[in-house]
Amino acid sequence: MRLLLNRLLPACLLLLAAGCSAPPFDPAKWQEKEASPFVEVDKAYQPTVQALAFSPDGKYLASCHQYMGRPNVREEFLAAPPVVKIWQMDGRNCVDWAMFHIESGLMGTDNTALCFTPDGKTLSVLTKNGLLFWDVEQQSLRRSRTSEPIAMAHDAKTVAQEANRDGSQQPHSNGGDGISIVDGETGETSQLISPRHAQVCPWGFSPDGRRLLVECFAPSSKHEAWEIWDLPDGRRQCSVAADNAAKWPCGFSPDGRTLAMVTTANDASKATLYDAATGRQKATLWENVENLRCLAFSPDGRWVAIGCGQTEGGKKANAGALHGQLRLWDLKQGKEYASLIDRSSWGITALTFSPDGKTLATGDGDGNIRFWEITRLKNASDPQTPSR
């Protein structure tokens, strides 16, 4: 027995040392190596990065991960509850700082979102059936009193949820006939809007919280419509001239003047910019793409980053290998600035800009998180070996 312990002790010490070491942070390249720190699943496939968010001071990066199964294997999906990790950004180091699981009753979906409060003290996690608050300083987790929130404002405390026209909750619906604006901390409803449609669903707030993108559906017309509502006035501001069925993601520019929206038809996605005041189409950034998964504006509104996952041969029977693509648009110049291929299992699945707008963080289907310097992104030919 003593001989066996003497042989095992060095190996155990080596494992402990490896587990406690912090991975180096390179702003041009970083990726997770192991699946086990996230969720104990099939080791050959790391959990997909569903969402990313920097704290306002850039000190922390939050990431949400969920095992989505292997591409083209329909039986494998949502096999494990999502995990949220908080990384501490300290100079040239990225430290695995905190982690918590999202309970199975709040399983994440494509619209899972992360957002820090403006003071950076709280991380809010929007999930399918609830809102979670993580106290950054106390490292404690609590659940909001609200249920089934659909959209979260940039203050990370205000949410929108489906409701009946009298303001009562409408659980497990495919669209309520009203929308409640709710304080996520107290659960109190501050406002109720009632668009004149049979079913309505909130999608996203403008950065100042004054406007809300709403999906409307009338069974008699058999098609969706999208409207932007002015919340202080409680009135519809405009209709959005989207020509296809909308899907996640969508978002307003930092100044609230432009709406970016992804729509899809016949398995082809399109990313379009709209005037947020009139709803008129301004420009098409990317079209005829299989699966546009994520988009984000830079803090100064100059850049729009878009990520996708698609097969080389399309979604047909003889489709080729799955890959992703990252595109960065320069709205100031009105043209594409950079385009990169990512050959992870699900392509680019999440992205966010740093508070100073100089760095873009991307997550992919294999659990990798990478950091890109915007000024050097144009010259990087492969996300596996980005330029410094």
Protein backbone atom coordinates (compact mmCIF):
# COMPACT_ATOMS: atom_id res chain seq x y z
CA MET A 1 0.00 0.00 0.00
CA ARG A 2 2.81 2.43 0.92
CA LEU A 3 4.55 1.67 -2.36
CA LEU A 4 1.36 2.38 -4.27
CA LEU A 5 0.89 5.71 -2.47
CA ASN A 6 4.47 6.70 -3.22
CA ARG A 7 3.85 6.08 -6.90
CA LEU A 8 0.53 7.94 -7.00
CA LEU A 9 1.55 10.99 -4.96
CA PRO A 10 3.73 12.67 -7.63
CA ALA A 11 0.99 12.21 -10.24
CA CYS A 12 -1.63 13.71 -7.90
CA LEU A 13 0.57 16.71 -7.16
CA LEU A 14 1.15 17.22 -10.85
CA LEU A 15 -2.60 17.17 -11.54
CA LEU A 16 -3.28 19.65 -8.74
CA ALA A 17 -0.64 22.02 -10.04
CA ALA A 18 -2.03 21.84 -13.55
CA GLY A 19 -5.58 22.48 -12.32
CA CYS A 20 -4.58 25.57 -10.31
CA SER A 21 -2.52 27.29 -12.97
CA ALA A 22 -4.15 30.24 -14.75
CA PRO A 23 -4.10 30.23 -18.56
CA PRO A 24 -2.09 33.08 -20.12
CA PHE A 25 -4.11 35.84 -21.75
CA ASP A 26 -3.10 37.02 -25.16
CA PRO A 27 -5.49 39.68 -26.58
CA ALA A 28 -4.88 38.32 -30.07
CA LYS A 29 -5.45 34.67 -29.26
CA TRP A 30 -6.85 32.60 -26.40
CA GLN A 31 -8.74 29.37 -26.24
CA GLU A 32 -9.90 26.88 -23.64
CA LYS A 33 -8.11 23.55 -23.77
CA GLU A 34 -10.25 21.34 -21.56
CA ALA A 35 -13.95 20.52 -21.50
CA SER A 36 -14.07 19.49 -17.84
CA PRO A 37 -13.93 22.99 -16.25
CA PHE A 38 -17.28 23.72 -17.93
CA VAL A 39 -19.62 20.71 -17.97
CA GLU A 40 -18.85 17.01 -17.66
CA VAL A 41 -19.89 15.85 -21.11
CA ASP A 42 -18.42 13.97 -24.03
CA LYS A 43 -14.76 14.97 -23.87
CA ALA A 44 -14.48 15.05 -27.63
CA TYR A 45 -16.88 17.99 -27.82
CA GLN A 46 -16.56 21.06 -25.63
CA PRO A 47 -19.66 23.08 -24.66
CA THR A 48 -20.71 25.67 -27.21
CA VAL A 49 -20.16 29.30 -26.22
CA GLN A 50 -23.68 30.75 -26.24
CA ALA A 51 -23.04 34.30 -25.03
CA LEU A 52 -20.24 36.69 -24.08
CA ALA A 53 -20.18 40.00 -22.20
CA PHE A 54 -17.47 42.34 -20.88
CA SER A 55 -17.94 44.29 -17.67
CA PRO A 56 -18.10 48.09 -18.22
CA ASP A 57 -14.55 48.55 -16.93
CA GLY A 58 -13.21 45.64 -18.98
CA LYS A 59 -12.03 43.87 -15.83
CA TYR A 60 -14.21 40.80 -16.32
CA LEU A 61 -15.47 38.71 -19.23
CA ALA A 62 -18.52 36.50 -18.72
CA SER A 63 -19.20 33.50 -20.95
CA CYS A 64 -22.16 31.12 -21.09
CA HIS A 65 -21.55 27.55 -22.30
CA GLN A 66 -23.90 24.75 -23.23
CA TYR A 67 -23.32 21.35 -24.74
CA MET A 68 -25.39 21.32 -27.93
CA GLY A 69 -24.45 17.89 -29.25
CA ARG A 70 -22.45 17.06 -32.33
CA PRO A 71 -23.29 18.61 -35.70
CA ASN A 72 -25.72 16.55 -37.77
CA VAL A 73 -26.59 14.34 -34.76
CA ARG A 74 -30.18 15.31 -34.00
CA GLU A 75 -30.49 13.07 -30.94
CA GLU A 76 -27.94 15.13 -29.03
CA PHE A 77 -29.05 18.54 -27.83
CA LEU A 78 -29.33 20.36 -24.51
CA ALA A 79 -27.74 17.34 -22.87
CA ALA A 80 -26.42 19.31 -19.88
CA PRO A 81 -27.40 22.51 -18.07
CA PRO A 82 -25.60 25.67 -19.17
CA VAL A 83 -22.61 26.96 -17.24
CA VAL A 84 -21.60 30.61 -16.79
CA LYS A 85 -17.92 31.41 -16.25
CA ILE A 86 -16.44 34.75 -15.20
CA TRP A 87 -12.90 35.48 -16.31
CA GLN A 88 -10.81 38.13 -14.59
CA MET A 89 -8.85 40.20 -17.08
CA ASP A 90 -5.65 41.41 -15.44
CA GLY A 91 -3.08 42.91 -17.75
CA ARG A 92 -1.80 40.11 -19.94
CA ASN A 93 -3.49 37.38 -17.90
CA CYS A 94 -6.97 35.85 -18.09
CA VAL A 95 -7.83 34.10 -14.83
CA ASP A 96 -10.61 31.53 -14.39
CA TRP A 97 -12.25 33.44 -11.54
CA ALA A 98 -15.77 32.10 -10.89
CA MET A 99 -18.33 29.67 -12.28
CA PHE A 100 -21.95 28.71 -11.68
CA HIS A 101 -24.49 26.39 -13.29
CA ILE A 102 -27.90 27.41 -14.60
CA GLU A 103 -30.44 25.06 -13.09
CA SER A 104 -32.13 22.63 -15.46
CA GLY A 105 -35.48 24.43 -15.08
CA LEU A 106 -33.90 27.51 -16.65
CA MET A 107 -32.23 25.80 -19.58
CA GLY A 108 -30.59 28.17 -22.01
CA THR A 109 -31.76 28.71 -25.57
CA ASP A 110 -30.54 30.73 -28.54
CA ASN A 111 -31.66 33.93 -26.84
CA THR A 112 -29.62 33.38 -23.67
CA ALA A 113 -27.97 36.71 -22.88
CA LEU A 114 -25.42 38.10 -20.46
CA CYS A 115 -25.23 41.72 -19.32
CA PHE A 116 -23.37 43.56 -16.55
CA THR A 117 -25.04 46.41 -14.71
CA PRO A 118 -23.53 49.85 -15.50
CA ASP A 119 -21.64 49.83 -12.18
CA GLY A 120 -20.19 46.40 -12.99
CA LYS A 121 -21.28 44.94 -9.65
CA THR A 122 -23.92 42.52 -10.98
CA LEU A 123 -24.02 40.11 -13.91
CA SER A 124 -27.53 39.36 -15.18
CA VAL A 125 -28.22 36.14 -17.06
CA LEU A 126 -31.34 36.00 -19.22
CA THR A 127 -32.49 32.41 -19.76
CA LYS A 128 -35.50 30.68 -21.24
CA ASN A 129 -37.61 30.78 -18.10
CA GLY A 130 -35.99 33.21 -15.71
CA LEU A 131 -33.46 35.89 -14.82
CA LEU A 132 -30.44 35.26 -12.61
CA PHE A 133 -28.27 37.81 -10.78
CA TRP A 134 -24.63 37.11 -9.94
CA ASP A 135 -23.10 39.43 -7.35
CA VAL A 136 -19.56 39.98 -8.62
CA GLU A 137 -18.11 41.12 -5.30
CA GLN A 138 -19.87 38.60 -3.04
CA GLN A 139 -19.73 35.82 -5.66
CA SER A 140 -23.30 34.86 -4.85
CA LEU A 141 -26.20 33.89 -7.11
CA ARG A 142 -29.86 34.71 -6.73
CA ARG A 143 -32.93 34.30 -8.90
CA SER A 144 -35.21 37.12 -10.01
CA ARG A 145 -38.88 37.15 -9.09
CA THR A 146 -39.82 37.50 -12.74
CA SER A 147 -40.66 34.50 -14.90
CA GLU A 148 -40.24 33.89 -18.61
CA PRO A 149 -38.51 37.18 -19.51
CA ILE A 150 -37.89 37.51 -23.24
CA ALA A 151 -35.74 40.64 -23.54
CA MET A 152 -33.33 42.38 -21.17
CA ALA A 153 -32.47 46.08 -21.19
CA HIS A 154 -28.89 47.37 -21.04
CA ASP A 155 -29.27 48.30 -17.37
CA ALA A 156 -29.36 44.52 -16.77
CA LYS A 157 -32.29 44.94 -14.38
CA THR A 158 -35.28 45.75 -16.63
CA VAL A 159 -36.90 42.96 -18.63
CA ALA A 160 -39.85 42.54 -20.98
CA GLN A 161 -42.18 39.57 -20.85
CA GLU A 162 -45.34 38.41 -22.56
CA ALA A 163 -48.59 39.17 -20.75
CA ASN A 164 -52.33 39.32 -21.15
CA ARG A 165 -53.85 42.69 -21.96
CA ASP A 166 -54.80 43.11 -18.32
CA GLY A 167 -51.15 42.70 -17.33
CA SER A 168 -51.46 39.22 -15.84
CA GLN A 169 -48.79 36.69 -16.61
CA GLN A 170 -49.29 34.35 -19.54
CA PRO A 171 -46.96 31.39 -18.92
CA HIS A 172 -45.74 29.01 -21.61
CA SER A 173 -47.31 30.98 -24.43
CA ASN A 174 -46.19 31.34 -28.00
CA GLY A 175 -46.90 35.03 -27.84
CA GLY A 176 -49.03 37.09 -25.48
CA ASP A 177 -51.45 39.82 -26.46
CA GLY A 178 -49.57 42.35 -24.34
CA ILE A 179 -46.05 43.08 -23.10
CA SER A 180 -45.07 43.96 -19.55
CA ILE A 181 -41.99 46.01 -18.71
CA VAL A 182 -40.82 44.62 -15.38
CA ASP A 183 -38.22 45.48 -12.73
CA GLY A 184 -36.23 42.27 -12.50
CA GLU A 185 -35.21 42.93 -8.91
CA THR A 186 -38.66 43.55 -7.43
CA GLY A 187 -40.88 41.82 -9.98
CA GLU A 188 -43.03 44.95 -10.21
CA THR A 189 -44.55 45.92 -13.56
CA SER A 190 -43.75 49.49 -14.53
CA GLN A 191 -45.57 49.55 -17.86
CA LEU A 192 -47.92 47.53 -20.06
CA ILE A 193 -48.14 47.99 -23.81
CA SER A 194 -50.83 46.35 -25.92
CA PRO A 195 -50.15 46.33 -29.68
CA ARG A 196 -53.22 45.68 -31.82
CA HIS A 197 -52.28 42.14 -32.78
CA ALA A 198 -53.41 38.71 -31.70
CA GLN A 199 -49.95 37.73 -30.44
CA VAL A 200 -46.92 39.86 -29.62
CA CYS A 201 -43.44 39.09 -28.32
CA PRO A 202 -40.64 41.45 -27.19
CA TRP A 203 -37.25 41.07 -28.86
CA GLY A 204 -34.81 43.75 -27.74
CA PHE A 205 -34.39 47.13 -26.03
CA SER A 206 -32.52 50.12 -27.39
CA PRO A 207 -29.39 51.01 -25.32
CA ASP A 208 -31.19 53.88 -23.56
CA GLY A 209 -34.15 51.62 -22.71
CA ARG A 210 -36.66 53.96 -24.37
CA ARG A 211 -37.58 51.71 -27.31
CA LEU A 212 -38.46 48.06 -27.73
CA LEU A 213 -38.49 45.86 -30.82
CA VAL A 214 -41.70 43.82 -30.88
CA GLU A 215 -42.70 40.85 -33.04
CA CYS A 216 -46.39 40.82 -33.95
CA PHE A 217 -48.41 38.00 -35.40
CA ALA A 218 -52.00 37.87 -36.60
CA PRO A 219 -53.18 34.32 -37.44
CA SER A 220 -55.52 35.65 -40.10
CA SER A 221 -52.64 37.20 -42.04
CA LYS A 222 -50.31 34.18 -41.57
CA HIS A 223 -47.18 36.32 -41.35
CA GLU A 224 -45.15 38.21 -38.80
CA ALA A 225 -44.60 41.93 -38.56
CA TRP A 226 -42.06 43.88 -36.52
CA GLU A 227 -42.61 47.17 -34.77
CA ILE A 228 -40.51 49.55 -32.70
CA TRP A 229 -42.36 50.94 -29.69
CA ASP A 230 -41.57 54.18 -27.89
CA LEU A 231 -41.94 53.16 -24.25
CA PRO A 232 -42.16 56.63 -22.62
CA ASP A 233 -45.05 57.50 -24.96
CA GLY A 234 -46.51 53.98 -24.94
CA ARG A 235 -47.01 54.17 -28.70
CA ARG A 236 -45.83 52.40 -31.81
CA GLN A 237 -43.04 54.43 -33.37
CA CYS A 238 -42.76 52.58 -36.68
CA SER A 239 -43.01 49.26 -38.48
CA VAL A 240 -39.83 47.51 -39.60
CA ALA A 241 -39.71 46.69 -43.31
CA ALA A 242 -38.31 43.16 -42.84
CA ASP A 243 -39.13 40.91 -45.78
CA ASN A 244 -38.47 37.52 -44.16
CA ALA A 245 -39.13 35.78 -40.85
CA ALA A 246 -36.96 37.29 -38.13
CA LYS A 247 -34.76 35.25 -35.82
CA TRP A 248 -32.22 35.86 -33.12
CA PRO A 249 -30.03 37.84 -33.06
CA CYS A 250 -30.95 41.51 -33.33
CA GLY A 251 -29.72 44.71 -31.75
CA PHE A 252 -29.71 48.51 -31.75
CA SER A 253 -26.63 50.60 -32.39
CA PRO A 254 -25.17 52.42 -29.34
CA ASP A 255 -26.81 55.71 -30.38
CA GLY A 256 -30.14 53.91 -30.95
CA ARG A 257 -30.48 55.19 -34.52
CA THR A 258 -29.89 51.89 -36.32
CA LEU A 259 -31.39 48.43 -35.87
CA ALA A 260 -29.49 45.34 -37.02
CA MET A 261 -31.68 42.33 -37.61
CA VAL A 262 -31.22 38.79 -38.91
CA THR A 263 -34.01 37.29 -41.00
CA THR A 264 -34.31 33.93 -42.70
CA ALA A 265 -36.24 32.28 -45.53
CA ASN A 266 -35.76 28.86 -47.12
CA ASP A 267 -32.73 28.09 -44.89
CA ALA A 268 -30.98 31.27 -46.02
CA SER A 269 -30.20 34.01 -43.50
CA LYS A 270 -29.68 37.70 -44.07
CA ALA A 271 -28.32 40.49 -41.85
CA THR A 272 -29.89 43.88 -42.54
CA LEU A 273 -29.62 47.39 -41.10
CA TYR A 274 -32.78 49.48 -40.59
CA ASP A 275 -33.41 53.08 -39.64
CA ALA A 276 -34.72 52.81 -36.07
CA ALA A 277 -36.81 55.96 -36.43
CA THR A 278 -38.64 55.03 -39.64
CA GLY A 279 -38.16 51.25 -39.94
CA ARG A 280 -36.83 51.63 -43.47
CA GLN A 281 -34.06 49.38 -44.74
CA LYS A 282 -30.65 51.04 -44.88
CA ALA A 283 -28.25 48.32 -46.03
CA THR A 284 -27.82 44.57 -46.35
CA LEU A 285 -24.61 43.41 -44.70
CA TRP A 286 -24.70 39.69 -45.45
CA GLU A 287 -27.18 37.48 -47.28
CA ASN A 288 -27.69 33.93 -48.57
CA VAL A 289 -25.93 32.49 -45.51
CA GLU A 290 -27.04 29.26 -43.88
CA ASN A 291 -27.07 30.18 -40.23
CA LEU A 292 -26.24 33.65 -38.95
CA ARG A 293 -25.90 33.10 -35.20
CA CYS A 294 -24.69 36.33 -33.60
CA LEU A 295 -24.02 40.01 -34.21
CA ALA A 296 -22.79 42.97 -32.19
CA PHE A 297 -22.11 46.70 -32.57
CA SER A 298 -18.87 48.19 -31.29
CA PRO A 299 -19.29 50.76 -28.46
CA ASP A 300 -18.59 53.66 -30.83
CA GLY A 301 -21.04 52.31 -33.44
CA ARG A 302 -18.44 52.09 -36.18
CA TRP A 303 -18.19 48.30 -36.44
CA VAL A 304 -20.71 45.50 -36.77
CA ALA A 305 -19.41 41.98 -36.22
CA ILE A 306 -21.42 39.00 -37.50
CA GLY A 307 -20.79 35.29 -36.94
CA CYS A 308 -22.26 32.28 -38.71
CA GLY A 309 -22.09 28.50 -38.88
CA GLN A 310 -22.74 26.68 -42.13
CA THR A 311 -21.74 23.68 -44.23
CA GLU A 312 -19.47 24.07 -47.21
CA GLY A 313 -22.06 22.53 -49.49
CA GLY A 314 -25.15 24.01 -47.87
CA LYS A 315 -27.88 22.16 -45.98
CA LYS A 316 -28.45 19.60 -48.71
CA ALA A 317 -28.04 15.84 -48.48
CA ASN A 318 -24.47 15.93 -49.78
CA ALA A 319 -23.37 18.92 -47.73
CA GLY A 320 -19.69 19.24 -46.89
CA ALA A 321 -17.95 19.85 -43.58
CA LEU A 322 -19.41 22.38 -41.17
CA HIS A 323 -17.51 25.63 -40.71
CA GLY A 324 -18.11 29.12 -39.45
CA GLN A 325 -17.27 32.56 -40.66
CA LEU A 326 -16.66 35.89 -38.99
CA ARG A 327 -17.26 39.16 -40.81
CA LEU A 328 -16.54 42.67 -39.62
CA TRP A 329 -18.25 45.62 -41.29
CA ASP A 330 -16.95 49.19 -41.21
CA LEU A 331 -20.13 51.28 -41.13
CA LYS A 332 -18.14 54.51 -41.43
CA GLN A 333 -16.73 53.38 -44.78
CA GLY A 334 -19.86 51.43 -45.71
CA LYS A 335 -18.03 48.22 -46.61
CA GLU A 336 -16.72 44.93 -45.28
CA TYR A 337 -13.47 45.30 -43.36
CA ALA A 338 -12.45 41.68 -42.66
CA SER A 339 -13.67 38.12 -43.16
CA LEU A 340 -12.33 34.92 -41.55
CA ILE A 341 -13.17 31.21 -41.66
CA ASP A 342 -13.63 29.22 -38.43
CA ARG A 343 -13.74 25.44 -38.70
CA SER A 344 -15.11 24.64 -35.24
CA SER A 345 -18.06 22.28 -34.80
CA TRP A 346 -20.77 24.94 -34.90
CA GLY A 347 -18.90 27.95 -36.26
CA ILE A 348 -18.98 31.36 -34.56
CA THR A 349 -21.70 31.26 -31.91
CA ALA A 350 -21.08 34.36 -29.76
CA LEU A 351 -19.19 37.64 -29.92
CA THR A 352 -18.78 40.92 -28.07
CA PHE A 353 -16.59 44.03 -28.19
CA SER A 354 -14.43 45.25 -25.32
CA PRO A 355 -15.56 48.52 -23.68
CA ASP A 356 -12.84 50.50 -25.47
CA GLY A 357 -13.86 48.98 -28.81
CA LYS A 358 -10.32 47.86 -29.64
CA THR A 359 -10.82 44.13 -29.10
CA LEU A 360 -13.39 41.64 -30.36
CA ALA A 361 -13.99 38.46 -28.36
CA THR A 362 -15.50 35.49 -30.21
CA GLY A 363 -16.79 32.12 -29.03
CA ASP A 364 -17.37 29.03 -31.15
CA GLY A 365 -19.01 25.63 -31.11
CA ASP A 366 -15.97 23.88 -29.63
CA GLY A 367 -15.86 26.07 -26.54
CA ASN A 368 -13.00 28.25 -27.76
CA ILE A 369 -12.85 31.94 -26.83
CA ARG A 370 -10.51 34.14 -28.84
CA PHE A 371 -9.56 37.80 -28.66
CA TRP A 372 -8.90 39.82 -31.80
CA GLU A 373 -7.32 43.24 -32.13
CA ILE A 374 -9.58 45.17 -34.51
CA THR A 375 -6.73 47.01 -36.23
CA ARG A 376 -5.01 43.71 -37.05
CA LEU A 377 -8.05 41.58 -37.76
CA LYS A 378 -7.96 42.44 -41.46
CA ASN A 379 -4.59 40.74 -41.89
CA ALA A 380 -5.47 37.57 -39.95
CA SER A 381 -6.18 34.74 -42.37
CA ASP A 382 -7.11 31.97 -39.92
CA PRO A 383 -8.68 32.21 -36.43
CA GLN A 384 -6.43 29.35 -35.31
CA THR A 385 -3.38 31.55 -35.84
CA PRO A 386 -4.47 35.20 -35.54
CA SER A 387 -1.86 37.92 -35.95
CA ARG A 388 -0.43 39.67 -32.91
